[in-house]
Amino acid sequence: MEGAPLDSDATLAIAGRAQRLLIKAGPDVIRLDVDGPSLSRAERHLVHEDGFMRVPVLLLGDLLVRGYTETLYAEALGAPPPRS
């Protein structure tokens, strides 16, 4: 676990390994499949305007999850969503 936020270059270097992305953006979840090393479609959702990512990130195989909710992690981990 990093003790400081990652800047945009470090974030995109890590994210460049992902082929699938689940990105929590406000109340919504953006689901993207990335073809090749280009993250241009996802780039604006991965880092804040200041160039840093200040939210939890889960890397699981070729999947990158940005942000956290129980439902989002359940989806990423293939578990049933939590009951409301």
N, C-alpha and C. Protein backbone atom coordinates (compact mmCIF):
# COMPACT_ATOMS: atom_id res chain seq x y z
N MET A 1 0.84 -1.17 0.00
CA MET A 1 0.00 0.00 0.00
C MET A 1 0.89 1.23 0.00
N GLU A 2 0.60 2.16 -0.86
CA GLU A 2 1.35 3.40 -0.96
C GLU A 2 0.86 4.39 0.10
N GLY A 3 1.78 5.12 0.68
CA GLY A 3 1.43 6.11 1.67
C GLY A 3 1.13 7.48 1.08
N ALA A 4 1.36 7.64 -0.19
CA ALA A 4 1.12 8.92 -0.86
C ALA A 4 0.38 8.65 -2.16
N PRO A 5 -0.42 9.61 -2.62
CA PRO A 5 -1.14 9.40 -3.88
C PRO A 5 -0.18 9.28 -5.06
N LEU A 6 -0.59 8.51 -6.05
CA LEU A 6 0.21 8.37 -7.27
C LEU A 6 -0.06 9.53 -8.21
N ASP A 7 0.98 10.01 -8.90
CA ASP A 7 0.76 11.04 -9.90
C ASP A 7 0.25 10.39 -11.18
N SER A 8 -0.11 11.20 -12.17
CA SER A 8 -0.75 10.68 -13.38
C SER A 8 0.16 9.72 -14.14
N ASP A 9 1.47 9.98 -14.23
CA ASP A 9 2.37 9.07 -14.95
C ASP A 9 2.43 7.70 -14.27
N ALA A 10 2.55 7.68 -12.95
CA ALA A 10 2.60 6.42 -12.22
C ALA A 10 1.26 5.68 -12.32
N THR A 11 0.18 6.43 -12.22
CA THR A 11 -1.15 5.84 -12.34
C THR A 11 -1.34 5.17 -13.69
N LEU A 12 -1.00 5.88 -14.74
CA LEU A 12 -1.20 5.35 -16.09
C LEU A 12 -0.24 4.20 -16.39
N ALA A 13 0.94 4.21 -15.78
CA ALA A 13 1.87 3.08 -15.95
C ALA A 13 1.28 1.82 -15.34
N ILE A 14 0.70 1.94 -14.17
CA ILE A 14 0.05 0.79 -13.53
C ILE A 14 -1.20 0.38 -14.31
N ALA A 15 -2.00 1.35 -14.67
CA ALA A 15 -3.25 1.07 -15.37
C ALA A 15 -3.01 0.48 -16.76
N GLY A 16 -1.85 0.74 -17.33
CA GLY A 16 -1.54 0.25 -18.67
C GLY A 16 -1.55 -1.25 -18.79
N ARG A 17 -1.47 -1.95 -17.67
CA ARG A 17 -1.52 -3.42 -17.68
C ARG A 17 -2.94 -3.95 -17.75
N ALA A 18 -3.91 -3.12 -17.45
CA ALA A 18 -5.31 -3.56 -17.38
C ALA A 18 -5.93 -3.64 -18.77
N GLN A 19 -6.78 -4.61 -18.95
CA GLN A 19 -7.56 -4.75 -20.17
C GLN A 19 -9.04 -4.46 -19.93
N ARG A 20 -9.43 -4.53 -18.66
CA ARG A 20 -10.80 -4.24 -18.26
C ARG A 20 -10.76 -3.25 -17.10
N LEU A 21 -11.66 -2.29 -17.11
CA LEU A 21 -11.69 -1.28 -16.05
C LEU A 21 -13.10 -1.11 -15.52
N LEU A 22 -13.20 -1.04 -14.20
CA LEU A 22 -14.43 -0.65 -13.51
C LEU A 22 -14.07 0.62 -12.76
N ILE A 23 -14.70 1.73 -13.13
CA ILE A 23 -14.32 3.03 -12.59
C ILE A 23 -15.53 3.66 -11.92
N LYS A 24 -15.46 3.85 -10.60
CA LYS A 24 -16.52 4.55 -9.90
C LYS A 24 -16.36 6.03 -10.18
N ALA A 25 -17.39 6.60 -10.77
CA ALA A 25 -17.39 8.02 -11.11
C ALA A 25 -18.68 8.63 -10.55
N GLY A 26 -18.56 9.24 -9.38
CA GLY A 26 -19.76 9.72 -8.70
C GLY A 26 -20.62 8.54 -8.32
N PRO A 27 -21.91 8.60 -8.59
CA PRO A 27 -22.78 7.48 -8.25
C PRO A 27 -22.75 6.35 -9.29
N ASP A 28 -22.10 6.56 -10.41
CA ASP A 28 -22.09 5.61 -11.51
C ASP A 28 -20.82 4.78 -11.55
N VAL A 29 -20.88 3.66 -12.28
CA VAL A 29 -19.71 2.84 -12.55
C VAL A 29 -19.53 2.78 -14.06
N ILE A 30 -18.35 3.17 -14.52
CA ILE A 30 -18.01 3.11 -15.94
C ILE A 30 -17.28 1.80 -16.17
N ARG A 31 -17.76 1.03 -17.12
CA ARG A 31 -17.15 -0.26 -17.47
C ARG A 31 -16.52 -0.13 -18.84
N LEU A 32 -15.21 -0.37 -18.90
CA LEU A 32 -14.49 -0.24 -20.17
C LEU A 32 -13.64 -1.47 -20.45
N ASP A 33 -13.61 -1.87 -21.70
CA ASP A 33 -12.66 -2.85 -22.19
C ASP A 33 -11.64 -2.08 -22.99
N VAL A 34 -10.36 -2.28 -22.69
CA VAL A 34 -9.29 -1.53 -23.35
C VAL A 34 -8.65 -2.42 -24.40
N ASP A 35 -8.57 -1.93 -25.62
CA ASP A 35 -7.91 -2.65 -26.70
C ASP A 35 -6.49 -2.16 -26.81
N GLY A 36 -5.54 -2.99 -26.42
CA GLY A 36 -4.13 -2.59 -26.51
C GLY A 36 -3.74 -1.67 -25.37
N PRO A 37 -2.58 -1.03 -25.50
CA PRO A 37 -2.03 -0.24 -24.41
C PRO A 37 -2.65 1.15 -24.25
N SER A 38 -3.54 1.55 -25.15
CA SER A 38 -4.09 2.90 -25.09
C SER A 38 -5.17 3.01 -24.03
N LEU A 39 -5.00 3.94 -23.12
CA LEU A 39 -6.00 4.20 -22.09
C LEU A 39 -6.68 5.55 -22.30
N SER A 40 -6.60 6.09 -23.49
CA SER A 40 -7.08 7.45 -23.70
C SER A 40 -8.53 7.63 -23.31
N ARG A 41 -9.38 6.63 -23.55
CA ARG A 41 -10.79 6.74 -23.17
C ARG A 41 -10.95 6.75 -21.65
N ALA A 42 -10.12 6.01 -20.95
CA ALA A 42 -10.26 5.88 -19.50
C ALA A 42 -9.44 6.91 -18.73
N GLU A 43 -8.45 7.48 -19.38
CA GLU A 43 -7.48 8.36 -18.70
C GLU A 43 -8.15 9.46 -17.91
N ARG A 44 -9.15 10.11 -18.45
CA ARG A 44 -9.79 11.22 -17.75
C ARG A 44 -10.55 10.78 -16.51
N HIS A 45 -10.88 9.48 -16.42
CA HIS A 45 -11.59 8.97 -15.25
C HIS A 45 -10.65 8.41 -14.18
N LEU A 46 -9.38 8.23 -14.52
CA LEU A 46 -8.45 7.61 -13.57
C LEU A 46 -7.78 8.60 -12.65
N VAL A 47 -7.52 9.81 -13.12
CA VAL A 47 -6.81 10.80 -12.30
C VAL A 47 -7.66 12.05 -12.14
N HIS A 48 -7.44 12.76 -11.03
CA HIS A 48 -8.13 14.03 -10.79
C HIS A 48 -7.47 15.14 -11.62
N GLU A 49 -8.09 16.30 -11.62
CA GLU A 49 -7.55 17.43 -12.38
C GLU A 49 -6.13 17.80 -12.00
N ASP A 50 -5.77 17.54 -10.73
CA ASP A 50 -4.42 17.89 -10.29
C ASP A 50 -3.39 16.84 -10.68
N GLY A 51 -3.82 15.78 -11.40
CA GLY A 51 -2.90 14.76 -11.87
C GLY A 51 -2.69 13.60 -10.91
N PHE A 52 -3.39 13.60 -9.78
CA PHE A 52 -3.24 12.53 -8.80
C PHE A 52 -4.49 11.67 -8.72
N MET A 53 -4.29 10.43 -8.28
CA MET A 53 -5.40 9.53 -8.01
C MET A 53 -5.46 9.36 -6.51
N ARG A 54 -6.57 9.73 -5.92
CA ARG A 54 -6.67 9.74 -4.46
C ARG A 54 -7.79 8.82 -3.96
N VAL A 55 -7.99 7.71 -4.65
CA VAL A 55 -9.03 6.76 -4.26
C VAL A 55 -8.43 5.35 -4.27
N PRO A 56 -9.10 4.40 -3.62
CA PRO A 56 -8.60 3.02 -3.64
C PRO A 56 -8.58 2.46 -5.06
N VAL A 57 -7.56 1.67 -5.35
CA VAL A 57 -7.44 1.00 -6.65
C VAL A 57 -7.13 -0.46 -6.38
N LEU A 58 -7.88 -1.33 -7.06
CA LEU A 58 -7.66 -2.77 -6.96
C LEU A 58 -7.21 -3.26 -8.32
N LEU A 59 -6.07 -3.96 -8.37
CA LEU A 59 -5.60 -4.61 -9.58
C LEU A 59 -5.74 -6.11 -9.36
N LEU A 60 -6.47 -6.74 -10.27
CA LEU A 60 -6.75 -8.16 -10.14
C LEU A 60 -6.63 -8.77 -11.53
N GLY A 61 -5.47 -9.38 -11.81
CA GLY A 61 -5.23 -9.90 -13.17
C GLY A 61 -5.23 -8.77 -14.16
N ASP A 62 -6.12 -8.84 -15.16
CA ASP A 62 -6.20 -7.78 -16.16
C ASP A 62 -7.28 -6.76 -15.84
N LEU A 63 -7.81 -6.80 -14.62
CA LEU A 63 -8.89 -5.90 -14.20
C LEU A 63 -8.36 -4.83 -13.26
N LEU A 64 -8.73 -3.58 -13.53
CA LEU A 64 -8.43 -2.46 -12.65
C LEU A 64 -9.76 -1.90 -12.16
N VAL A 65 -9.87 -1.76 -10.84
CA VAL A 65 -11.06 -1.18 -10.23
C VAL A 65 -10.63 0.11 -9.54
N ARG A 66 -11.25 1.22 -9.92
CA ARG A 66 -10.94 2.52 -9.32
C ARG A 66 -12.13 2.95 -8.49
N GLY A 67 -11.90 3.18 -7.21
CA GLY A 67 -12.97 3.55 -6.30
C GLY A 67 -13.43 2.33 -5.52
N TYR A 68 -14.29 2.56 -4.53
CA TYR A 68 -14.73 1.43 -3.71
C TYR A 68 -16.18 1.58 -3.31
N THR A 69 -16.92 0.53 -3.51
CA THR A 69 -18.19 0.27 -2.84
C THR A 69 -18.24 -1.24 -2.67
N GLU A 70 -19.05 -1.73 -1.74
CA GLU A 70 -19.17 -3.17 -1.57
C GLU A 70 -19.67 -3.83 -2.85
N THR A 71 -20.63 -3.20 -3.50
CA THR A 71 -21.20 -3.76 -4.73
C THR A 71 -20.15 -3.81 -5.83
N LEU A 72 -19.35 -2.78 -5.96
CA LEU A 72 -18.31 -2.74 -6.99
C LEU A 72 -17.27 -3.83 -6.77
N TYR A 73 -16.82 -4.00 -5.54
CA TYR A 73 -15.84 -5.05 -5.25
C TYR A 73 -16.45 -6.44 -5.40
N ALA A 74 -17.72 -6.60 -5.05
CA ALA A 74 -18.38 -7.88 -5.26
C ALA A 74 -18.39 -8.23 -6.75
N GLU A 75 -18.70 -7.26 -7.58
CA GLU A 75 -18.68 -7.48 -9.04
C GLU A 75 -17.27 -7.86 -9.49
N ALA A 76 -16.28 -7.13 -9.04
CA ALA A 76 -14.89 -7.39 -9.45
C ALA A 76 -14.42 -8.76 -9.01
N LEU A 77 -14.84 -9.19 -7.83
CA LEU A 77 -14.40 -10.46 -7.28
C LEU A 77 -15.31 -11.63 -7.64
N GLY A 78 -16.38 -11.34 -8.39
CA GLY A 78 -17.29 -12.39 -8.84
C GLY A 78 -18.19 -12.92 -7.75
N ALA A 79 -18.42 -12.13 -6.71
CA ALA A 79 -19.29 -12.53 -5.60
C ALA A 79 -20.67 -11.94 -5.81
N PRO A 80 -21.68 -12.53 -5.17
CA PRO A 80 -23.01 -11.91 -5.24
C PRO A 80 -22.98 -10.54 -4.58
N PRO A 81 -23.73 -9.58 -5.11
CA PRO A 81 -23.74 -8.24 -4.49
C PRO A 81 -24.30 -8.31 -3.07
N PRO A 82 -23.84 -7.43 -2.20
CA PRO A 82 -24.35 -7.43 -0.82
C PRO A 82 -25.83 -7.09 -0.79
N ARG A 83 -26.53 -7.62 0.20
CA ARG A 83 -27.96 -7.30 0.36
C ARG A 83 -28.12 -5.91 0.92
N SER A 84 -29.15 -5.23 0.47
CA SER A 84 -29.42 -3.88 0.98
C SER A 84 -30.20 -3.92 2.25
